[in-house]
């Protein structure tokens, strides 16, 4: 087993979703990683669950980030990025996977 690249104790004060940011100083190269988190289930020290999250780090082209995201299979972020910058870019990404929008006006819900 490999030694952890980063380890941090995070205090969570309430139930629900929370954002966990990987430090910018962490020297991640492009590739696949697994994040493991231990989550206490009660006040007893021996009662906890573990969660594993797989993620991929990719470098993006500054000029065409949507294209870089799509080429790396990160479609959700590619479409969101294209949506916020250009309707034309958004439609072109959809067409790449065979989705053609009608000529009607569409909006984000």
Foldseek 3Di string as FASTA:
>chain_A
DDDDLDDDDDDDDDDDDDDDDDDPPRPDDFDKDKDKDWAAPDPDPVHIDIDIDIDTDDDADPVQRLVRCVVVVNNVVSLVVCVVPHPVSNQVSCVVVPDHDDPDDDDDD
